[in-house]
């Protein structure tokens, strides 16, 4: 298998203003798309009731994921936590020890690939 690492972060919206959420999402998606070439997917989903968000992120490898986390911490951490309260996270692939440690505060569930394919 390859070294790709992905995750789904589930969060409750902390803001009742949909423009705050939407503005943050649009800004962050644009920034990741333009600045992080080793991010292969970065997709935000919103529940029908508008109370929960899921963010799917996929990276070339653990180093790219760590770069994303450092960028988030230095650029959007305050705004992100004002808008979203993370409630769960599932990490896919084989994250490095450093990435596992960086994600530890979110108490993620780790699952490894055992078969299949992606096109």
Protein backbone atom coordinates (compact mmCIF):
# COMPACT_ATOMS: atom_id res chain seq x y z
CA UNK A 1 0.00 0.00 0.00
CA UNK A 2 1.06 3.59 -0.44
CA UNK A 3 1.92 6.22 2.17
CA UNK A 4 -1.28 8.27 1.71
CA UNK A 5 -3.00 9.39 4.91
CA UNK A 6 -6.60 10.56 5.10
CA UNK A 7 -9.05 11.52 7.78
CA UNK A 8 -12.60 12.56 8.45
CA UNK A 9 -13.06 15.13 11.18
CA UNK A 10 -16.59 15.52 12.52
CA UNK A 11 -17.46 18.76 14.30
CA UNK A 12 -20.51 20.50 15.72
CA UNK A 13 -21.05 24.02 14.46
CA UNK A 14 -20.32 26.46 17.28
CA UNK A 15 -21.80 29.39 15.43
CA UNK A 16 -25.44 30.03 14.59
CA UNK A 17 -24.41 32.41 11.82
CA UNK A 18 -24.18 30.39 8.59
CA UNK A 19 -22.13 33.18 6.97
CA UNK A 20 -19.37 32.72 9.56
CA UNK A 21 -19.14 29.00 8.80
CA UNK A 22 -19.40 29.48 5.04
CA UNK A 23 -16.83 32.28 4.98
CA UNK A 24 -14.31 30.22 6.93
CA UNK A 25 -14.91 27.15 4.78
CA UNK A 26 -14.52 29.03 1.49
CA UNK A 27 -11.36 30.80 2.65
CA UNK A 28 -9.72 27.64 4.00
CA UNK A 29 -10.59 25.53 0.95
CA UNK A 30 -9.11 28.13 -1.39
CA UNK A 31 -5.96 28.42 0.71
CA UNK A 32 -5.40 24.67 0.95
CA UNK A 33 -6.02 24.22 -2.78
CA UNK A 34 -3.47 26.89 -3.69
CA UNK A 35 -0.84 26.42 -0.99
CA UNK A 36 -0.75 22.70 -0.26
CA UNK A 37 0.07 20.73 -3.39
CA UNK A 38 0.44 17.46 -1.47
CA UNK A 39 -3.15 17.66 -0.25
CA UNK A 40 -5.07 15.45 -2.68
CA UNK A 41 -8.55 16.11 -1.23
CA UNK A 42 -10.04 18.66 1.14
CA UNK A 43 -13.84 18.50 1.16
CA UNK A 44 -16.27 19.97 3.68
CA UNK A 45 -19.74 18.45 4.18
CA UNK A 46 -22.65 19.95 6.13
CA UNK A 47 -25.49 17.94 7.69
CA UNK A 48 -29.00 18.65 6.45
CA UNK A 49 -29.91 20.29 9.77
CA UNK A 50 -26.83 22.54 9.55
CA UNK A 51 -25.54 21.48 12.96
CA UNK A 52 -22.63 19.21 12.03
CA UNK A 53 -19.77 19.40 9.59
CA UNK A 54 -17.50 16.64 8.33
CA UNK A 55 -14.18 17.49 6.73
CA UNK A 56 -12.52 14.89 4.54
CA UNK A 57 -8.79 15.48 4.08
CA UNK A 58 -6.35 13.32 2.15
CA UNK A 59 -2.61 13.82 1.92
CA UNK A 60 0.28 12.35 -0.08
CA UNK A 61 1.90 11.21 3.17
CA UNK A 62 2.26 11.96 6.88
CA UNK A 63 4.65 14.85 6.21
CA UNK A 64 2.04 16.60 4.05
CA UNK A 65 -0.56 16.05 6.78
CA UNK A 66 1.81 17.53 9.37
CA UNK A 67 2.39 20.56 7.14
CA UNK A 68 -1.38 21.01 6.91
CA UNK A 69 -1.76 20.84 10.69
CA UNK A 70 1.06 23.35 11.21
CA UNK A 71 -0.49 25.68 8.64
CA UNK A 72 -3.89 25.37 10.33
CA UNK A 73 -2.38 26.05 13.74
CA UNK A 74 -0.53 29.14 12.50
CA UNK A 75 -3.23 30.54 10.22
CA UNK A 76 -6.76 29.53 11.23
CA UNK A 77 -6.77 27.80 14.62
CA UNK A 78 -8.68 30.55 16.43
CA UNK A 79 -11.29 31.04 13.70
CA UNK A 80 -11.67 27.29 13.23
CA UNK A 81 -12.31 26.63 16.93
CA UNK A 82 -14.71 29.60 17.12
CA UNK A 83 -16.78 28.10 14.30
CA UNK A 84 -16.44 24.35 14.93
CA UNK A 85 -16.16 22.05 17.93
CA UNK A 86 -14.52 18.77 16.84
CA UNK A 87 -16.32 15.71 18.21
CA UNK A 88 -14.65 12.75 16.48
CA UNK A 89 -11.97 11.84 13.99
CA UNK A 90 -11.11 8.74 12.01
CA UNK A 91 -7.64 8.50 10.45
CA UNK A 92 -7.05 6.17 7.49
CA UNK A 93 -3.73 4.71 6.36
CA UNK A 94 -0.46 4.43 8.25
CA UNK A 95 0.25 7.78 9.90
CA UNK A 96 3.74 8.36 11.24
CA UNK A 97 4.45 8.48 14.94
CA UNK A 98 4.79 12.28 14.68
CA UNK A 99 1.40 12.61 13.01
CA UNK A 100 -0.25 10.37 15.58
CA UNK A 101 1.18 12.58 18.32
CA UNK A 102 0.04 15.75 16.55
CA UNK A 103 -3.52 14.40 16.38
CA UNK A 104 -3.60 12.89 19.89
CA UNK A 105 -5.65 15.71 21.45
CA UNK A 106 -8.54 14.79 19.12
CA UNK A 107 -8.52 11.14 20.34
CA UNK A 108 -8.78 9.78 16.80
CA UNK A 109 -9.68 6.27 15.80
CA UNK A 110 -6.96 4.81 13.54
CA UNK A 111 -7.81 2.30 10.81
CA UNK A 112 -5.43 0.73 8.29
CA UNK A 113 -6.10 -0.22 4.71
CA UNK A 114 -6.51 -3.96 4.22
CA UNK A 115 -7.61 -4.02 0.57
CA UNK A 116 -9.44 -2.22 -2.20
CA UNK A 117 -8.55 0.52 -4.63
CA UNK A 118 -9.19 4.14 -5.46
CA UNK A 119 -9.18 5.62 -8.95
